[in-house]
Amino acid sequence: MQDPDPRAGKWQAADHGRRWVTALVALAVLVACVAAGGVAFSALGLLGALGCLREFQKLARAPDGRGEAGELAWVGYAAAVALVLVAHAGAWAALPAVMALHLVCCGALGLRRFPADRLVLAGVARQVLGLVYCALPIALFIALRSMPEGVAWVLLTCAVVFAGDSAAFYVGTLRGRHKLAPAISPGKTVEGAIAGLAASLLTGALGAAGFLSGLSAAGGAAFGLLVGLAGQAGDLFESCWKRAAGVKDSGSLLPGHGGFLDRLDALLFAAPVAFGLRLGLGPP
């Protein structure tokens, strides 16, 4: 999510319009793909995973400019594809094996280049983190879709995150007075964060009561609160990387929203929490 404009609670009307147009188009595509499931949802997930991974590699590049290209990066892309394919096939229990094989491949490449290139170890660490951060959560989201009532679980998770994002943005922009984490994201406020959590909690309660047979309204509220907290942490985590890289947005492909990471940062932290909470209710 992009930070709200801290200037007197105002934003550019044109930017705001582009933001809503992009959001509505993306929402329509998301709902259609979630409802369709199968190849459509997995293909959308693969696009998101590869887009986020590419942007993360740029944000986390080495001091000498490396990090977004090279053999390590291509191993990461291949592993991201493998994670999505494994989740699509319903073999999500094999996801840890894909992660371990990715580490083995990156480690082998690092051994070949070390000690001539001592920065290669940092590159290996970036690639492993990038896969865990960008691709694994999306694979878990695909696995969540394949479970009973998976459509409702996925859409509820998205609704909780998006409602929290929107409430935090507007309340923070219009009424925010106290900075939440000024060293990380100057535009975010305590008031916005509280409003975001309240919106997530309410969305979780209403969504569970209306669309999930195995989750009560109270359980949905707890789900919304935990997923909303994870989403806000994900938002701040990406802000840390942007601040360290000295950039405002992770990319520019989504008008009004920046890049894939700017739009999916909260969902990347929320998806594993939603998956874990669903598993806690019983076998898939």
Protein backbone atom coordinates (compact mmCIF):
# COMPACT_ATOMS: atom_id res chain seq x y z
CA MET A 1 0.00 0.00 0.00
CA GLN A 2 1.23 3.52 -0.76
CA ASP A 3 1.71 5.89 2.13
CA PRO A 4 -0.90 8.64 2.51
CA ASP A 5 0.23 12.12 1.60
CA PRO A 6 1.24 13.79 4.90
CA ARG A 7 0.64 17.31 3.57
CA ALA A 8 -2.33 18.68 5.53
CA GLY A 9 -4.43 15.60 4.86
CA LYS A 10 -4.82 16.33 1.14
CA TRP A 11 -4.10 14.30 -1.97
CA GLN A 12 -3.96 14.97 -5.68
CA ALA A 13 -7.38 14.40 -7.24
CA ALA A 14 -5.89 12.87 -10.39
CA ASP A 15 -3.75 10.42 -8.41
CA HIS A 16 -6.75 9.54 -6.26
CA GLY A 17 -8.85 8.83 -9.35
CA ARG A 18 -6.18 6.62 -10.89
CA ARG A 19 -5.89 4.78 -7.60
CA TRP A 20 -9.59 3.92 -7.57
CA VAL A 21 -9.74 2.94 -11.25
CA THR A 22 -6.77 0.61 -10.82
CA ALA A 23 -8.22 -0.83 -7.60
CA LEU A 24 -11.62 -1.55 -9.15
CA VAL A 25 -10.12 -3.22 -12.22
CA ALA A 26 -7.78 -5.29 -10.07
CA LEU A 27 -10.64 -6.25 -7.74
CA ALA A 28 -12.79 -7.43 -10.65
CA VAL A 29 -9.93 -9.56 -12.01
CA LEU A 30 -9.20 -10.97 -8.55
CA VAL A 31 -12.81 -11.93 -7.80
CA ALA A 32 -13.21 -13.54 -11.23
CA CYS A 33 -10.02 -15.57 -10.85
CA VAL A 34 -10.81 -16.64 -7.28
CA ALA A 35 -14.29 -17.74 -8.34
CA ALA A 36 -12.90 -19.63 -11.34
CA GLY A 37 -10.09 -21.22 -9.36
CA GLY A 38 -7.83 -23.71 -11.12
CA VAL A 39 -5.52 -22.36 -13.78
CA ALA A 40 -6.99 -18.85 -13.67
CA PHE A 41 -6.26 -18.26 -9.99
CA SER A 42 -2.87 -19.97 -10.14
CA ALA A 43 -1.86 -17.92 -13.19
CA LEU A 44 -2.83 -14.72 -11.38
CA GLY A 45 -0.85 -15.88 -8.36
CA LEU A 46 2.18 -16.64 -10.52
CA LEU A 47 2.02 -13.18 -12.05
CA GLY A 48 1.90 -11.62 -8.60
CA ALA A 49 4.71 -13.79 -7.23
CA LEU A 50 7.08 -13.07 -10.12
CA GLY A 51 6.22 -9.36 -10.13
CA CYS A 52 6.81 -9.03 -6.39
CA LEU A 53 10.03 -11.06 -6.56
CA ARG A 54 11.42 -8.92 -9.36
CA GLU A 55 10.67 -5.71 -7.46
CA PHE A 56 12.10 -7.10 -4.24
CA GLN A 57 15.33 -8.04 -6.00
CA LYS A 58 15.66 -4.42 -7.10
CA LEU A 59 14.91 -3.05 -3.63
CA ALA A 60 17.38 -5.46 -2.01
CA ARG A 61 20.19 -5.05 -4.53
CA ALA A 62 23.75 -5.12 -3.27
CA PRO A 63 25.70 -1.89 -2.68
CA ASP A 64 27.45 -2.38 -6.02
CA GLY A 65 24.11 -2.48 -7.84
CA ARG A 66 23.77 -6.24 -8.20
CA GLY A 67 20.74 -8.13 -7.02
CA GLU A 68 18.10 -7.85 -9.73
CA ALA A 69 19.79 -10.01 -12.38
CA GLY A 70 22.13 -12.96 -12.77
CA GLU A 71 21.98 -16.69 -12.19
CA LEU A 72 20.85 -16.40 -8.57
CA ALA A 73 17.86 -14.32 -9.65
CA TRP A 74 16.87 -16.87 -12.29
CA VAL A 75 17.04 -19.67 -9.73
CA GLY A 76 14.65 -17.59 -7.61
CA TYR A 77 12.22 -17.15 -10.49
CA ALA A 78 12.31 -20.89 -11.24
CA ALA A 79 11.64 -21.70 -7.57
CA ALA A 80 8.71 -19.25 -7.51
CA VAL A 81 7.18 -21.02 -10.52
CA ALA A 82 7.73 -24.37 -8.80
CA LEU A 83 6.02 -23.20 -5.61
CA VAL A 84 2.96 -22.04 -7.52
CA LEU A 85 2.81 -25.27 -9.56
CA VAL A 86 3.08 -27.42 -6.43
CA ALA A 87 0.28 -25.45 -4.75
CA HIS A 88 -1.81 -25.63 -7.93
CA ALA A 89 -1.39 -29.42 -7.99
CA GLY A 90 -2.69 -29.64 -4.42
CA ALA A 91 0.62 -30.99 -3.11
CA TRP A 92 1.16 -28.06 -0.77
CA ALA A 93 2.84 -30.35 1.78
CA ALA A 94 5.79 -30.40 -0.67
CA LEU A 95 6.30 -26.63 -0.45
CA PRO A 96 9.07 -26.96 2.19
CA ALA A 97 10.97 -29.30 -0.14
CA VAL A 98 10.90 -26.69 -2.91
CA MET A 99 12.19 -24.07 -0.48
CA ALA A 100 14.99 -26.39 0.66
CA LEU A 101 16.00 -27.22 -2.92
CA HIS A 102 16.08 -23.52 -3.73
CA LEU A 103 18.47 -22.98 -0.83
CA VAL A 104 20.66 -25.88 -2.03
CA CYS A 105 20.84 -24.43 -5.55
CA CYS A 106 21.62 -20.92 -4.34
CA GLY A 107 24.19 -22.29 -1.92
CA ALA A 108 25.88 -24.30 -4.67
CA LEU A 109 26.12 -21.20 -6.85
CA GLY A 110 27.54 -19.29 -3.91
CA LEU A 111 30.19 -21.95 -3.29
CA ARG A 112 31.28 -21.77 -6.91
CA ARG A 113 31.78 -17.99 -6.77
CA PHE A 114 33.27 -17.69 -3.28
CA PRO A 115 35.87 -16.41 -2.22
CA ALA A 116 36.46 -14.49 -5.45
CA ASP A 117 33.12 -12.77 -4.85
CA ARG A 118 32.56 -12.32 -1.13
CA LEU A 119 29.27 -10.49 -1.71
CA VAL A 120 27.74 -13.64 -3.16
CA LEU A 121 26.73 -14.83 0.34
CA ALA A 122 24.61 -11.70 0.79
CA GLY A 123 23.12 -12.43 -2.62
CA VAL A 124 22.19 -15.95 -1.53
CA ALA A 125 20.53 -14.56 1.60
CA ARG A 126 18.56 -12.03 -0.47
CA GLN A 127 17.33 -14.73 -2.84
CA VAL A 128 16.19 -17.04 -0.04
CA LEU A 129 14.42 -14.18 1.73
CA GLY A 130 12.85 -13.02 -1.53
CA LEU A 131 11.31 -16.42 -2.19
CA VAL A 132 9.96 -16.73 1.36
CA TYR A 133 8.67 -13.17 1.29
CA CYS A 134 7.18 -12.95 -2.22
CA ALA A 135 6.35 -16.42 -3.55
CA LEU A 136 5.62 -18.70 -0.60
CA PRO A 137 2.69 -16.62 0.75
CA ILE A 138 1.05 -16.63 -2.67
CA ALA A 139 1.52 -20.40 -2.93
CA LEU A 140 -0.18 -20.74 0.48
CA PHE A 141 -3.00 -18.54 -0.80
CA ILE A 142 -3.48 -20.90 -3.75
CA ALA A 143 -3.50 -23.82 -1.31
CA LEU A 144 -6.11 -22.02 0.80
CA ARG A 145 -8.32 -21.68 -2.28
CA SER A 146 -8.26 -25.47 -2.75
CA MET A 147 -9.65 -26.18 0.75
CA PRO A 148 -13.36 -26.56 1.56
CA GLU A 149 -15.08 -23.17 1.29
CA GLY A 150 -11.80 -21.95 -0.18
CA VAL A 151 -13.44 -19.22 -2.24
CA ALA A 152 -14.97 -17.69 0.88
CA TRP A 153 -11.71 -17.96 2.85
CA VAL A 154 -9.65 -16.29 0.14
CA LEU A 155 -12.15 -13.52 -0.49
CA LEU A 156 -12.59 -12.90 3.24
CA THR A 157 -8.82 -12.59 3.67
CA CYS A 158 -8.64 -10.12 0.79
CA ALA A 159 -11.63 -8.17 2.12
CA VAL A 160 -10.10 -7.94 5.60
CA VAL A 161 -6.81 -6.65 4.19
CA PHE A 162 -8.34 -4.24 1.68
CA ALA A 163 -10.84 -2.85 4.20
CA GLY A 164 -8.03 -2.28 6.67
CA ASP A 165 -5.86 -0.65 4.00
CA SER A 166 -8.62 1.71 2.90
CA ALA A 167 -9.68 2.69 6.43
CA ALA A 168 -6.07 3.29 7.47
CA PHE A 169 -5.42 5.39 4.36
CA TYR A 170 -8.46 7.64 4.63
CA VAL A 171 -8.59 8.05 8.40
CA GLY A 172 -4.84 8.55 8.51
CA THR A 173 -4.98 11.13 5.74
CA LEU A 174 -8.00 13.04 7.06
CA ARG A 175 -7.71 12.65 10.84
CA GLY A 176 -4.24 11.33 11.55
CA ARG A 177 -2.24 13.37 14.07
CA HIS A 178 0.16 10.95 15.76
CA LYS A 179 2.88 9.28 13.70
CA LEU A 180 2.94 5.50 13.88
CA ALA A 181 6.50 4.83 12.73
CA PRO A 182 8.03 8.06 11.40
CA ALA A 183 11.47 6.53 10.85
CA ILE A 184 9.94 3.88 8.58
CA SER A 185 6.88 5.47 6.99
CA PRO A 186 6.25 9.15 7.83
CA GLY A 187 2.74 9.14 6.34
CA LYS A 188 1.28 6.43 8.57
CA THR A 189 -0.49 7.41 11.77
CA VAL A 190 -1.72 5.76 14.95
CA GLU A 191 -5.25 6.89 14.16
CA GLY A 192 -5.07 5.28 10.73
CA ALA A 193 -3.69 2.03 12.16
CA ILE A 194 -6.49 1.81 14.74
CA ALA A 195 -9.13 2.54 12.12
CA GLY A 196 -7.61 -0.11 9.87
CA LEU A 197 -7.74 -2.74 12.61
CA ALA A 198 -11.33 -1.81 13.44
CA ALA A 199 -12.32 -2.17 9.78
CA SER A 200 -10.52 -5.51 9.52
CA LEU A 201 -12.20 -6.81 12.67
CA LEU A 202 -15.66 -5.75 11.51
CA THR A 203 -15.11 -7.18 8.03
CA GLY A 204 -13.98 -10.48 9.51
CA ALA A 205 -17.02 -10.73 11.76
CA LEU A 206 -19.53 -9.86 9.03
CA GLY A 207 -17.83 -12.04 6.43
CA ALA A 208 -17.67 -15.08 8.69
CA ALA A 209 -21.29 -14.72 9.75
CA GLY A 210 -22.48 -14.35 6.19
CA PHE A 211 -20.28 -16.69 4.15
CA LEU A 212 -18.45 -19.26 6.30
CA SER A 213 -20.32 -22.11 7.94
CA GLY A 214 -17.41 -23.22 10.12
CA LEU A 215 -16.59 -19.85 11.66
CA SER A 216 -18.73 -17.84 14.07
CA ALA A 217 -18.96 -14.07 14.06
CA ALA A 218 -16.68 -13.95 17.11
CA GLY A 219 -14.20 -16.24 15.38
CA GLY A 220 -14.42 -14.07 12.28
CA ALA A 221 -13.68 -10.99 14.35
CA ALA A 222 -10.58 -12.69 15.79
CA PHE A 223 -9.61 -13.77 12.28
CA GLY A 224 -10.03 -10.21 11.02
CA LEU A 225 -7.98 -8.77 13.87
CA LEU A 226 -5.06 -11.20 13.43
CA VAL A 227 -5.04 -10.97 9.65
CA GLY A 228 -5.36 -7.18 9.86
CA LEU A 229 -2.39 -6.97 12.24
CA ALA A 230 -0.34 -9.14 9.90
CA GLY A 231 -1.32 -6.95 6.96
CA GLN A 232 -0.20 -3.77 8.72
CA ALA A 233 3.09 -5.43 9.65
CA GLY A 234 3.56 -6.42 6.02
CA ASP A 235 2.90 -2.86 4.93
CA LEU A 236 5.56 -1.53 7.30
CA PHE A 237 8.01 -4.28 6.33
CA GLU A 238 7.90 -3.22 2.70
CA SER A 239 8.25 0.40 3.76
CA CYS A 240 11.51 -0.57 5.51
CA TRP A 241 12.89 -1.93 2.25
CA LYS A 242 11.80 1.14 0.29
CA ARG A 243 13.31 3.45 2.89
CA ALA A 244 16.58 1.49 2.82
CA ALA A 245 16.61 1.62 -0.99
CA GLY A 246 15.72 5.33 -1.06
CA VAL A 247 12.63 4.95 -3.28
CA LYS A 248 8.99 5.95 -2.86
CA ASP A 249 7.43 3.01 -4.72
CA SER A 250 8.63 -0.49 -5.51
CA GLY A 251 7.53 -0.08 -9.14
CA SER A 252 5.24 1.84 -11.48
CA LEU A 253 3.14 -0.79 -13.26
CA LEU A 254 -0.07 -0.09 -11.31
CA PRO A 255 -1.27 3.53 -11.74
CA GLY A 256 -1.98 5.15 -8.39
CA HIS A 257 -0.57 2.18 -6.47
CA GLY A 258 3.05 1.86 -7.57
CA GLY A 259 4.27 -1.68 -8.11
CA PHE A 260 3.17 -5.20 -7.28
CA LEU A 261 4.80 -5.07 -3.85
CA ASP A 262 3.11 -1.76 -3.07
CA ARG A 263 -0.26 -3.37 -3.70
CA LEU A 264 0.39 -6.84 -2.24
CA ASP A 265 2.69 -6.01 0.69
CA ALA A 266 -0.04 -6.46 3.31
CA LEU A 267 -1.44 -9.58 1.66
CA LEU A 268 1.99 -11.25 1.65
CA PHE A 269 2.00 -11.19 5.45
CA ALA A 270 -1.73 -11.83 5.81
CA ALA A 271 -1.90 -14.94 3.60
CA PRO A 272 0.28 -17.20 5.81
CA VAL A 273 -1.67 -16.11 8.89
CA ALA A 274 -4.98 -16.86 7.18
CA PHE A 275 -3.65 -20.23 6.01
CA GLY A 276 -2.46 -21.11 9.50
CA LEU A 277 -5.74 -20.07 11.10
CA ARG A 278 -7.67 -22.17 8.58
CA LEU A 279 -5.50 -25.20 9.36
CA GLY A 280 -6.18 -24.64 13.06
CA LEU A 281 -9.87 -25.26 12.45
CA GLY A 282 -9.30 -28.81 11.22
CA PRO A 283 -7.85 -30.83 8.34
CA PRO A 284 -8.12 -29.32 4.84
